[in-house]
Amino acid sequence: MSLRILIVCGGGASSGFLAQGMRKAAKKDGVDLTVEARSETEVEEYVGKVDVVLVGPHLAFMFDSIRSLVEPHGIQVALVPQQVYGRLDGAAAYKLAQGLVTTEGVQS
């Protein structure tokens, strides 16, 4: 399985660490994972290039607008829980994304 994820953040280093942890978790599962952390201003550039968009909890106020932008293109979207983001728990964030694609049947 291949999975492409975009983490939407404010462009900070925290999301990069979260992405790194997600890559490690996916590697243990044998999943080919591509994950990038980008600013909310870059979401539109990733439409059609990702399977899942994870939104940082500090951008919860933008969640509905991001969802309305990506869902029509078959992209699954979720808000990363504060405790997952705060601990930079890449394994939990990976499980969240994997659950979205498993539930929705998305596979690239």
PDB file of N, CA and C in Angstrom:
ATOM      1  N   MET A   1       0.847  -1.194   0.000  1.00  0.00           N
ATOM      2  CA  MET A   1       0.000   0.000   0.000  1.00  0.00           C
ATOM      3  C   MET A   1       0.878   1.238   0.000  1.00  0.00           C
ATOM      4  N   SER A   2       0.415   2.235  -0.678  1.00  0.00           N
ATOM      5  CA  SER A   2       1.079   3.525  -0.729  1.00  0.00           C
ATOM      6  C   SER A   2       0.115   4.560  -0.157  1.00  0.00           C
ATOM      7  N   LEU A   3       0.647   5.491   0.607  1.00  0.00           N
ATOM      8  CA  LEU A   3      -0.193   6.501   1.241  1.00  0.00           C
ATOM      9  C   LEU A   3       0.507   7.850   1.165  1.00  0.00           C
ATOM     10  N   ARG A   4      -0.228   8.856   0.696  1.00  0.00           N
ATOM     11  CA  ARG A   4       0.319  10.211   0.574  1.00  0.00           C
ATOM     12  C   ARG A   4      -0.445  11.140   1.508  1.00  0.00           C
ATOM     13  N   ILE A   5       0.299  11.790   2.423  1.00  0.00           N
ATOM     14  CA  ILE A   5      -0.320  12.606   3.464  1.00  0.00           C
ATOM     15  C   ILE A   5       0.253  14.013   3.448  1.00  0.00           C
ATOM     16  N   LEU A   6      -0.620  14.982   3.663  1.00  0.00           N
ATOM     17  CA  LEU A   6      -0.221  16.364   3.857  1.00  0.00           C
ATOM     18  C   LEU A   6      -0.619  16.764   5.275  1.00  0.00           C
ATOM     19  N   ILE A   7       0.350  17.246   6.041  1.00  0.00           N
ATOM     20  CA  ILE A   7       0.050  17.804   7.361  1.00  0.00           C
ATOM     21  C   ILE A   7      -0.015  19.314   7.177  1.00  0.00           C
ATOM     22  N   VAL A   8      -1.152  19.885   7.519  1.00  0.00           N
ATOM     23  CA  VAL A   8      -1.332  21.323   7.389  1.00  0.00           C
ATOM     24  C   VAL A   8      -1.040  21.961   8.739  1.00  0.00           C
ATOM     25  N   CYS A   9      -0.059  22.873   8.718  1.00  0.00           N
ATOM     26  CA  CYS A   9       0.368  23.507   9.957  1.00  0.00           C
ATOM     27  C   CYS A   9       0.662  24.971   9.659  1.00  0.00           C
ATOM     28  N   GLY A  10       1.253  25.621  10.584  1.00  0.00           N
ATOM     29  CA  GLY A  10       1.645  27.003  10.386  1.00  0.00           C
ATOM     30  C   GLY A  10       3.036  27.120   9.794  1.00  0.00           C
ATOM     31  N   GLY A  11       3.599  26.016   9.353  1.00  0.00           N
ATOM     32  CA  GLY A  11       4.934  26.029   8.773  1.00  0.00           C
ATOM     33  C   GLY A  11       6.032  25.832   9.793  1.00  0.00           C
ATOM     34  N   GLY A  12       5.674  25.397  11.008  1.00  0.00           N
ATOM     35  CA  GLY A  12       6.657  25.232  12.067  1.00  0.00           C
ATOM     36  C   GLY A  12       7.389  23.911  12.023  1.00  0.00           C
ATOM     37  N   ALA A  13       8.397  23.804  12.838  1.00  0.00           N
ATOM     38  CA  ALA A  13       9.225  22.602  12.890  1.00  0.00           C
ATOM     39  C   ALA A  13       8.490  21.420  13.519  1.00  0.00           C
ATOM     40  N   SER A  14       7.539  21.672  14.388  1.00  0.00           N
ATOM     41  CA  SER A  14       6.825  20.591  15.069  1.00  0.00           C
ATOM     42  C   SER A  14       6.212  19.604  14.092  1.00  0.00           C
ATOM     43  N   SER A  15       5.603  20.101  13.046  1.00  0.00           N
ATOM     44  CA  SER A  15       4.965  19.221  12.070  1.00  0.00           C
ATOM     45  C   SER A  15       5.988  18.377  11.333  1.00  0.00           C
ATOM     46  N   GLY A  16       7.170  18.905  11.147  1.00  0.00           N
ATOM     47  CA  GLY A  16       8.236  18.132  10.520  1.00  0.00           C
ATOM     48  C   GLY A  16       8.637  16.945  11.379  1.00  0.00           C
ATOM     49  N   PHE A  17       8.687  17.149  12.692  1.00  0.00           N
ATOM     50  CA  PHE A  17       8.994  16.051  13.617  1.00  0.00           C
ATOM     51  C   PHE A  17       7.862  15.029  13.631  1.00  0.00           C
ATOM     52  N   LEU A  18       6.624  15.511  13.569  1.00  0.00           N
ATOM     53  CA  LEU A  18       5.474  14.620  13.518  1.00  0.00           C
ATOM     54  C   LEU A  18       5.535  13.769  12.243  1.00  0.00           C
ATOM     55  N   ALA A  19       5.857  14.390  11.127  1.00  0.00           N
ATOM     56  CA  ALA A  19       5.973  13.677   9.850  1.00  0.00           C
ATOM     57  C   ALA A  19       7.064  12.607   9.921  1.00  0.00           C
ATOM     58  N   GLN A  20       8.173  12.926  10.541  1.00  0.00           N
ATOM     59  CA  GLN A  20       9.269  11.971  10.683  1.00  0.00           C
ATOM     60  C   GLN A  20       8.810  10.744  11.476  1.00  0.00           C
ATOM     61  N   GLY A  21       8.080  10.967  12.558  1.00  0.00           N
ATOM     62  CA  GLY A  21       7.553   9.859  13.358  1.00  0.00           C
ATOM     63  C   GLY A  21       6.554   9.019  12.585  1.00  0.00           C
ATOM     64  N   MET A  22       5.777   9.662  11.730  1.00  0.00           N
ATOM     65  CA  MET A  22       4.812   8.941  10.904  1.00  0.00           C
ATOM     66  C   MET A  22       5.529   8.043   9.905  1.00  0.00           C
ATOM     67  N   ARG A  23       6.613   8.539   9.329  1.00  0.00           N
ATOM     68  CA  ARG A  23       7.392   7.730   8.380  1.00  0.00           C
ATOM     69  C   ARG A  23       7.946   6.481   9.058  1.00  0.00           C
ATOM     70  N   LYS A  24       8.436   6.638  10.272  1.00  0.00           N
ATOM     71  CA  LYS A  24       8.978   5.492  11.013  1.00  0.00           C
ATOM     72  C   LYS A  24       7.898   4.457  11.285  1.00  0.00           C
ATOM     73  N   ALA A  25       6.717   4.910  11.691  1.00  0.00           N
ATOM     74  CA  ALA A  25       5.609   3.992  11.971  1.00  0.00           C
ATOM     75  C   ALA A  25       5.169   3.260  10.715  1.00  0.00           C
ATOM     76  N   ALA A  26       5.097   3.965   9.603  1.00  0.00           N
ATOM     77  CA  ALA A  26       4.681   3.348   8.338  1.00  0.00           C
ATOM     78  C   ALA A  26       5.708   2.322   7.872  1.00  0.00           C
ATOM     79  N   LYS A  27       6.974   2.638   8.072  1.00  0.00           N
ATOM     80  CA  LYS A  27       8.034   1.718   7.652  1.00  0.00           C
ATOM     81  C   LYS A  27       7.907   0.385   8.386  1.00  0.00           C
ATOM     82  N   LYS A  28       7.556   0.439   9.676  1.00  0.00           N
ATOM     83  CA  LYS A  28       7.356  -0.787  10.458  1.00  0.00           C
ATOM     84  C   LYS A  28       6.207  -1.620   9.890  1.00  0.00           C
ATOM     85  N   ASP A  29       5.206  -0.948   9.316  1.00  0.00           N
ATOM     86  CA  ASP A  29       4.055  -1.630   8.720  1.00  0.00           C
ATOM     87  C   ASP A  29       4.298  -2.028   7.268  1.00  0.00           C
ATOM     88  N   GLY A  30       5.430  -1.625   6.728  1.00  0.00           N
ATOM     89  CA  GLY A  30       5.721  -1.929   5.327  1.00  0.00           C
ATOM     90  C   GLY A  30       4.916  -1.091   4.351  1.00  0.00           C
ATOM     91  N   VAL A  31       4.492   0.075   4.784  1.00  0.00           N
ATOM     92  CA  VAL A  31       3.690   0.962   3.942  1.00  0.00           C
ATOM     93  C   VAL A  31       4.595   2.031   3.338  1.00  0.00           C
ATOM     94  N   ASP A  32       4.434   2.245   2.062  1.00  0.00           N
ATOM     95  CA  ASP A  32       5.169   3.289   1.355  1.00  0.00           C
ATOM     96  C   ASP A  32       4.464   4.611   1.656  1.00  0.00           C
ATOM     97  N   LEU A  33       5.042   5.396   2.546  1.00  0.00           N
ATOM     98  CA  LEU A  33       4.401   6.628   3.014  1.00  0.00           C
ATOM     99  C   LEU A  33       5.158   7.851   2.529  1.00  0.00           C
ATOM    100  N   THR A  34       4.411   8.765   1.954  1.00  0.00           N
ATOM    101  CA  THR A  34       4.931  10.086   1.632  1.00  0.00           C
ATOM    102  C   THR A  34       4.161  11.061   2.504  1.00  0.00           C
ATOM    103  N   VAL A  35       4.868  11.834   3.297  1.00  0.00           N
ATOM    104  CA  VAL A  35       4.196  12.803   4.167  1.00  0.00           C
ATOM    105  C   VAL A  35       4.982  14.102   4.158  1.00  0.00           C
ATOM    106  N   GLU A  36       4.257  15.179   3.960  1.00  0.00           N
ATOM    107  CA  GLU A  36       4.856  16.508   3.951  1.00  0.00           C
ATOM    108  C   GLU A  36       4.085  17.417   4.886  1.00  0.00           C
ATOM    109  N   ALA A  37       4.794  18.331   5.505  1.00  0.00           N
ATOM    110  CA  ALA A  37       4.186  19.335   6.369  1.00  0.00           C
ATOM    111  C   ALA A  37       4.292  20.685   5.665  1.00  0.00           C
ATOM    112  N   ARG A  38       3.159  21.312   5.472  1.00  0.00           N
ATOM    113  CA  ARG A  38       3.122  22.579   4.745  1.00  0.00           C
ATOM    114  C   ARG A  38       2.155  23.559   5.417  1.00  0.00           C
ATOM    115  N   SER A  39       2.294  24.798   5.044  1.00  0.00           N
ATOM    116  CA  SER A  39       1.438  25.866   5.531  1.00  0.00           C
ATOM    117  C   SER A  39       0.032  25.723   4.955  1.00  0.00           C
ATOM    118  N   GLU A  40      -0.923  26.269   5.655  1.00  0.00           N
ATOM    119  CA  GLU A  40      -2.311  26.228   5.182  1.00  0.00           C
ATOM    120  C   GLU A  40      -2.471  26.954   3.846  1.00  0.00           C
ATOM    121  N   THR A  41      -1.568  27.852   3.527  1.00  0.00           N
ATOM    122  CA  THR A  41      -1.653  28.578   2.258  1.00  0.00           C
ATOM    123  C   THR A  41      -1.280  27.705   1.064  1.00  0.00           C
ATOM    124  N   GLU A  42      -0.706  26.523   1.319  1.00  0.00           N
ATOM    125  CA  GLU A  42      -0.261  25.638   0.240  1.00  0.00           C
ATOM    126  C   GLU A  42      -1.190  24.451  -0.021  1.00  0.00           C
ATOM    127  N   VAL A  43      -2.289  24.347   0.707  1.00  0.00           N
ATOM    128  CA  VAL A  43      -3.177  23.189   0.585  1.00  0.00           C
ATOM    129  C   VAL A  43      -3.645  22.981  -0.845  1.00  0.00           C
ATOM    130  N   GLU A  44      -4.052  24.037  -1.487  1.00  0.00           N
ATOM    131  CA  GLU A  44      -4.600  23.928  -2.846  1.00  0.00           C
ATOM    132  C   GLU A  44      -3.600  23.293  -3.815  1.00  0.00           C
ATOM    133  N   GLU A  45      -2.309  23.508  -3.603  1.00  0.00           N
ATOM    134  CA  GLU A  45      -1.275  22.945  -4.470  1.00  0.00           C
ATOM    135  C   GLU A  45      -1.202  21.416  -4.363  1.00  0.00           C
ATOM    136  N   TYR A  46      -1.741  20.846  -3.280  1.00  0.00           N
ATOM    137  CA  TYR A  46      -1.653  19.412  -3.042  1.00  0.00           C
ATOM    138  C   TYR A  46      -2.918  18.652  -3.415  1.00  0.00           C
ATOM    139  N   VAL A  47      -3.952  19.360  -3.847  1.00  0.00           N
ATOM    140  CA  VAL A  47      -5.174  18.701  -4.293  1.00  0.00           C
ATOM    141  C   VAL A  47      -4.827  17.821  -5.489  1.00  0.00           C
ATOM    142  N   GLY A  48      -5.210  16.554  -5.396  1.00  0.00           N
ATOM    143  CA  GLY A  48      -4.903  15.602  -6.447  1.00  0.00           C
ATOM    144  C   GLY A  48      -3.561  14.913  -6.273  1.00  0.00           C
ATOM    145  N   LYS A  49      -2.795  15.328  -5.272  1.00  0.00           N
ATOM    146  CA  LYS A  49      -1.463  14.756  -5.045  1.00  0.00           C
ATOM    147  C   LYS A  49      -1.368  13.985  -3.729  1.00  0.00           C
ATOM    148  N   VAL A  50      -2.419  14.055  -2.900  1.00  0.00           N
ATOM    149  CA  VAL A  50      -2.406  13.370  -1.600  1.00  0.00           C
ATOM    150  C   VAL A  50      -3.702  12.596  -1.400  1.00  0.00           C
ATOM    151  N   ASP A  51      -3.636  11.626  -0.478  1.00  0.00           N
ATOM    152  CA  ASP A  51      -4.816  10.839  -0.117  1.00  0.00           C
ATOM    153  C   ASP A  51      -5.491  11.378   1.138  1.00  0.00           C
ATOM    154  N   VAL A  52      -4.652  11.941   2.029  1.00  0.00           N
ATOM    155  CA  VAL A  52      -5.135  12.390   3.338  1.00  0.00           C
ATOM    156  C   VAL A  52      -4.530  13.747   3.675  1.00  0.00           C
ATOM    157  N   VAL A  53      -5.353  14.608   4.254  1.00  0.00           N
ATOM    158  CA  VAL A  53      -4.877  15.876   4.805  1.00  0.00           C
ATOM    159  C   VAL A  53      -5.145  15.838   6.306  1.00  0.00           C
ATOM    160  N   LEU A  54      -4.090  16.035   7.083  1.00  0.00           N
ATOM    161  CA  LEU A  54      -4.211  16.134   8.538  1.00  0.00           C
ATOM    162  C   LEU A  54      -3.982  17.590   8.920  1.00  0.00           C
ATOM    163  N   VAL A  55      -4.916  18.153   9.661  1.00  0.00           N
ATOM    164  CA  VAL A  55      -4.861  19.561  10.042  1.00  0.00           C
ATOM    165  C   VAL A  55      -4.424  19.668  11.502  1.00  0.00           C
ATOM    166  N   GLY A  56      -3.411  20.487  11.749  1.00  0.00           N
ATOM    167  CA  GLY A  56      -2.934  20.703  13.108  1.00  0.00           C
ATOM    168  C   GLY A  56      -4.027  21.311  13.968  1.00  0.00           C
ATOM    169  N   PRO A  57      -4.072  20.952  15.249  1.00  0.00           N
ATOM    170  CA  PRO A  57      -5.146  21.419  16.123  1.00  0.00           C
ATOM    171  C   PRO A  57      -5.182  22.937  16.296  1.00  0.00           C
ATOM    172  N   HIS A  58      -4.042  23.588  16.134  1.00  0.00           N
ATOM    173  CA  HIS A  58      -3.995  25.042  16.246  1.00  0.00           C
ATOM    174  C   HIS A  58      -4.674  25.733  15.057  1.00  0.00           C
ATOM    175  N   LEU A  59      -5.026  24.945  14.028  1.00  0.00           N
ATOM    176  CA  LEU A  59      -5.740  25.477  12.864  1.00  0.00           C
ATOM    177  C   LEU A  59      -7.178  24.958  12.807  1.00  0.00           C
ATOM    178  N   ALA A  60      -7.705  24.557  13.944  1.00  0.00           N
ATOM    179  CA  ALA A  60      -9.076  24.031  14.004  1.00  0.00           C
ATOM    180  C   ALA A  60     -10.081  25.020  13.415  1.00  0.00           C
ATOM    181  N   PHE A  61      -9.831  26.298  13.578  1.00  0.00           N
ATOM    182  CA  PHE A  61     -10.746  27.310  13.051  1.00  0.00           C
ATOM    183  C   PHE A  61     -10.804  27.297  11.524  1.00  0.00           C
ATOM    184  N   MET A  62      -9.819  26.674  10.876  1.00  0.00           N
ATOM    185  CA  MET A  62      -9.784  26.595   9.416  1.00  0.00           C
ATOM    186  C   MET A  62     -10.231  25.231   8.887  1.00  0.00           C
ATOM    187  N   PHE A  63     -10.537  24.312   9.786  1.00  0.00           N
ATOM    188  CA  PHE A  63     -10.809  22.937   9.381  1.00  0.00           C
ATOM    189  C   PHE A  63     -11.922  22.833   8.341  1.00  0.00           C
ATOM    190  N   ASP A  64     -13.044  23.501   8.573  1.00  0.00           N
ATOM    191  CA  ASP A  64     -14.172  23.396   7.645  1.00  0.00           C
ATOM    192  C   ASP A  64     -13.824  23.910   6.248  1.00  0.00           C
ATOM    193  N   SER A  65     -13.070  24.984   6.169  1.00  0.00           N
ATOM    194  CA  SER A  65     -12.707  25.517   4.841  1.00  0.00           C
ATOM    195  C   SER A  65     -11.717  24.596   4.135  1.00  0.00           C
ATOM    196  N   ILE A  66     -10.798  23.997   4.889  1.00  0.00           N
ATOM    197  CA  ILE A  66      -9.849  23.046   4.287  1.00  0.00           C
ATOM    198  C   ILE A  66     -10.597  21.806   3.812  1.00  0.00           C
ATOM    199  N   ARG A  67     -11.513  21.321   4.659  1.00  0.00           N
ATOM    200  CA  ARG A  67     -12.300  20.137   4.287  1.00  0.00           C
ATOM    201  C   ARG A  67     -13.112  20.397   3.022  1.00  0.00           C
ATOM    202  N   SER A  68     -13.747  21.558   2.928  1.00  0.00           N
ATOM    203  CA  SER A  68     -14.562  21.848   1.744  1.00  0.00           C
ATOM    204  C   SER A  68     -13.701  21.983   0.489  1.00  0.00           C
ATOM    205  N   LEU A  69     -12.442  22.292   0.648  1.00  0.00           N
ATOM    206  CA  LEU A  69     -11.531  22.393  -0.482  1.00  0.00           C
ATOM    207  C   LEU A  69     -11.072  21.026  -0.978  1.00  0.00           C
ATOM    208  N   VAL A  70     -10.793  20.095  -0.051  1.00  0.00           N
ATOM    209  CA  VAL A  70     -10.177  18.823  -0.452  1.00  0.00           C
ATOM    210  C   VAL A  70     -11.157  17.655  -0.617  1.00  0.00           C
ATOM    211  N   GLU A  71     -12.212  17.608   0.169  1.00  0.00           N
ATOM    212  CA  GLU A  71     -13.134  16.461   0.102  1.00  0.00           C
ATOM    213  C   GLU A  71     -13.754  16.242  -1.274  1.00  0.00           C
ATOM    214  N   PRO A  72     -14.119  17.293  -2.014  1.00  0.00           N
ATOM    215  CA  PRO A  72     -14.685  17.052  -3.349  1.00  0.00           C
ATOM    216  C   PRO A  72     -13.733  16.320  -4.296  1.00  0.00           C
ATOM    217  N   HIS A  73     -12.460  16.278  -3.940  1.00  0.00           N
ATOM    218  CA  HIS A  73     -11.455  15.602  -4.757  1.00  0.00           C
ATOM    219  C   HIS A  73     -11.141  14.204  -4.227  1.00  0.00           C
ATOM    220  N   GLY A  74     -11.973  13.713  -3.304  1.00  0.00           N
ATOM    221  CA  GLY A  74     -11.794  12.375  -2.764  1.00  0.00           C
ATOM    222  C   GLY A  74     -10.699  12.262  -1.726  1.00  0.00           C
ATOM    223  N   ILE A  75     -10.254  13.389  -1.199  1.00  0.00           N
ATOM    224  CA  ILE A  75      -9.200  13.406  -0.188  1.00  0.00           C
ATOM    225  C   ILE A  75      -9.846  13.374   1.191  1.00  0.00           C
ATOM    226  N   GLN A  76      -9.374  12.449   2.018  1.00  0.00           N
ATOM    227  CA  GLN A  76      -9.872  12.352   3.386  1.00  0.00           C
ATOM    228  C   GLN A  76      -9.176  13.407   4.242  1.00  0.00           C
ATOM    229  N   VAL A  77      -9.874  13.917   5.234  1.00  0.00           N
ATOM    230  CA  VAL A  77      -9.320  14.987   6.064  1.00  0.00           C
ATOM    231  C   VAL A  77      -9.703  14.763   7.517  1.00  0.00           C
ATOM    232  N   ALA A  78      -8.770  15.101   8.422  1.00  0.00           N
ATOM    233  CA  ALA A  78      -9.039  14.975   9.853  1.00  0.00           C
ATOM    234  C   ALA A  78      -8.257  16.028  10.611  1.00  0.00           C
ATOM    235  N   LEU A  79      -8.787  16.381  11.754  1.00  0.00           N
ATOM    236  CA  LEU A  79      -8.106  17.281  12.679  1.00  0.00           C
ATOM    237  C   LEU A  79      -7.264  16.420  13.615  1.00  0.00           C
ATOM    238  N   VAL A  80      -5.983  16.722  13.713  1.00  0.00           N
ATOM    239  CA  VAL A  80      -5.098  15.964  14.594  1.00  0.00           C
ATOM    240  C   VAL A  80      -5.443  16.344  16.038  1.00  0.00           C
ATOM    241  N   PRO A  81      -5.718  15.363  16.892  1.00  0.00           N
ATOM    242  CA  PRO A  81      -6.012  15.681  18.286  1.00  0.00           C
ATOM    243  C   PRO A  81      -4.844  16.414  18.952  1.00  0.00           C
ATOM    244  N   GLN A  82      -5.155  17.347  19.821  1.00  0.00           N
ATOM    245  CA  GLN A  82      -4.130  18.154  20.494  1.00  0.00           C
ATOM    246  C   GLN A  82      -3.094  17.285  21.203  1.00  0.00           C
ATOM    247  N   GLN A  83      -3.533  16.221  21.874  1.00  0.00           N
ATOM    248  CA  GLN A  83      -2.585  15.391  22.606  1.00  0.00           C
ATOM    249  C   GLN A  83      -1.617  14.665  21.670  1.00  0.00           C
ATOM    250  N   VAL A  84      -2.072  14.280  20.491  1.00  0.00           N
ATOM    251  CA  VAL A  84      -1.204  13.628  19.505  1.00  0.00           C
ATOM    252  C   VAL A  84      -0.192  14.635  18.966  1.00  0.00           C
ATOM    253  N   TYR A  85      -0.677  15.807  18.621  1.00  0.00           N
ATOM    254  CA  TYR A  85       0.192  16.851  18.067  1.00  0.00           C
ATOM    255  C   TYR A  85       1.173  17.355  19.122  1.00  0.00           C
ATOM    256  N   GLY A  86       0.675  17.563  20.321  1.00  0.00           N
ATOM    257  CA  GLY A  86       1.512  18.083  21.403  1.00  0.00           C
ATOM    258  C   GLY A  86       2.645  17.147  21.783  1.00  0.00           C
ATOM    259  N   ARG A  87       2.401  15.846  21.697  1.00  0.00           N
ATOM    260  CA  ARG A  87       3.436  14.848  22.013  1.00  0.00           C
ATOM    261  C   ARG A  87       4.266  14.492  20.787  1.00  0.00           C
ATOM    262  N   LEU A  88       3.911  15.073  19.633  1.00  0.00           N
ATOM    263  CA  LEU A  88       4.552  14.733  18.361  1.00  0.00           C
ATOM    264  C   LEU A  88       4.538  13.220  18.164  1.00  0.00           C
ATOM    265  N   ASP A  89       3.377  12.637  18.434  1.00  0.00           N
ATOM    266  CA  ASP A  89       3.192  11.187  18.380  1.00  0.00           C
ATOM    267  C   ASP A  89       2.926  10.754  16.932  1.00  0.00           C
ATOM    268  N   GLY A  90       4.013  10.520  16.214  1.00  0.00           N
ATOM    269  CA  GLY A  90       3.907  10.146  14.810  1.00  0.00           C
ATOM    270  C   GLY A  90       3.158   8.854  14.596  1.00  0.00           C
ATOM    271  N   ALA A  91       3.329   7.893  15.505  1.00  0.00           N
ATOM    272  CA  ALA A  91       2.626   6.612  15.369  1.00  0.00           C
ATOM    273  C   ALA A  91       1.111   6.814  15.457  1.00  0.00           C
ATOM    274  N   ALA A  92       0.672   7.647  16.386  1.00  0.00           N
ATOM    275  CA  ALA A  92      -0.768   7.906  16.536  1.00  0.00           C
ATOM    276  C   ALA A  92      -1.314   8.686  15.341  1.00  0.00           C
ATOM    277  N   ALA A  93      -0.548   9.632  14.832  1.00  0.00           N
ATOM    278  CA  ALA A  93      -0.985  10.398  13.666  1.00  0.00           C
ATOM    279  C   ALA A  93      -1.067   9.494  12.436  1.00  0.00           C
ATOM    280  N   TYR A  94      -0.110   8.578  12.313  1.00  0.00           N
ATOM    281  CA  TYR A  94      -0.128   7.616  11.209  1.00  0.00           C
ATOM    282  C   TYR A  94      -1.369   6.727  11.309  1.00  0.00           C
ATOM    283  N   LYS A  95      -1.680   6.247  12.513  1.00  0.00           N
ATOM    284  CA  LYS A  95      -2.879   5.411  12.704  1.00  0.00           C
ATOM    285  C   LYS A  95      -4.145   6.183  12.343  1.00  0.00           C
ATOM    286  N   LEU A  96      -4.181   7.463  12.698  1.00  0.00           N
ATOM    287  CA  LEU A  96      -5.325   8.304  12.359  1.00  0.00           C
ATOM    288  C   LEU A  96      -5.510   8.356  10.838  1.00  0.00           C
ATOM    289  N   ALA A  97      -4.428   8.631  10.124  1.00  0.00           N
ATOM    290  CA  ALA A  97      -4.495   8.708   8.659  1.00  0.00           C
ATOM    291  C   ALA A  97      -4.837   7.359   8.048  1.00  0.00           C
ATOM    292  N   GLN A  98      -4.220   6.316   8.563  1.00  0.00           N
ATOM    293  CA  GLN A  98      -4.467   4.969   8.043  1.00  0.00           C
ATOM    294  C   GLN A  98      -5.929   4.573   8.272  1.00  0.00           C
ATOM    295  N   GLY A  99      -6.474   4.952   9.407  1.00  0.00           N
ATOM    296  CA  GLY A  99      -7.879   4.670   9.691  1.00  0.00           C
ATOM    297  C   GLY A  99      -8.815   5.362   8.716  1.00  0.00           C
ATOM    298  N   LEU A 100      -8.453   6.545   8.287  1.00  0.00           N
ATOM    299  CA  LEU A 100      -9.273   7.266   7.312  1.00  0.00           C
ATOM    300  C   LEU A 100      -9.307   6.543   5.973  1.00  0.00           C
ATOM    301  N   VAL A 101      -8.159   6.086   5.526  1.00  0.00           N
ATOM    302  CA  VAL A 101      -8.127   5.423   4.216  1.00  0.00           C
ATOM    303  C   VAL A 101      -8.709   4.032   4.282  1.00  0.00           C
ATOM    304  N   THR A 102      -8.539   3.346   5.413  1.00  0.00           N
ATOM    305  CA  THR A 102      -9.113   2.016   5.573  1.00  0.00           C
ATOM    306  C   THR A 102     -10.637   2.102   5.622  1.00  0.00           C
ATOM    307  N   THR A 103     -11.124   3.087   6.365  1.00  0.00           N
ATOM    308  CA  THR A 103     -12.564   3.280   6.503  1.00  0.00           C
ATOM    309  C   THR A 103     -13.189   3.671   5.171  1.00  0.00           C
ATOM    310  N   GLU A 104     -12.502   4.520   4.439  1.00  0.00           N
ATOM    311  CA  GLU A 104     -13.057   5.028   3.186  1.00  0.00           C
ATOM    312  C   GLU A 104     -12.657   4.204   1.973  1.00  0.00           C
ATOM    313  N   GLY A 105     -11.757   3.236   2.169  1.00  0.00           N
ATOM    314  CA  GLY A 105     -11.358   2.387   1.057  1.00  0.00           C
ATOM    315  C   GLY A 105     -10.428   3.029   0.066  1.00  0.00           C
ATOM    316  N   VAL A 106      -9.740   4.076   0.470  1.00  0.00           N
ATOM    317  CA  VAL A 106      -8.823   4.773  -0.423  1.00  0.00           C
ATOM    318  C   VAL A 106      -7.498   4.042  -0.439  1.00  0.00           C
ATOM    319  N   GLN A 107      -6.997   3.742  -1.619  1.00  0.00           N
ATOM    320  CA  GLN A 107      -5.664   3.200  -1.778  1.00  0.00           C
ATOM    321  C   GLN A 107      -5.079   3.745  -3.053  1.00  0.00           C
ATOM    322  N   SER A 108      -3.818   4.111  -2.994  1.00  0.00           N
ATOM    323  CA  SER A 108      -3.155   4.674  -4.178  1.00  0.00           C
ATOM    324  C   SER A 108      -2.338   3.612  -4.848  1.00  0.00           C
TER     325      SER A 108
END
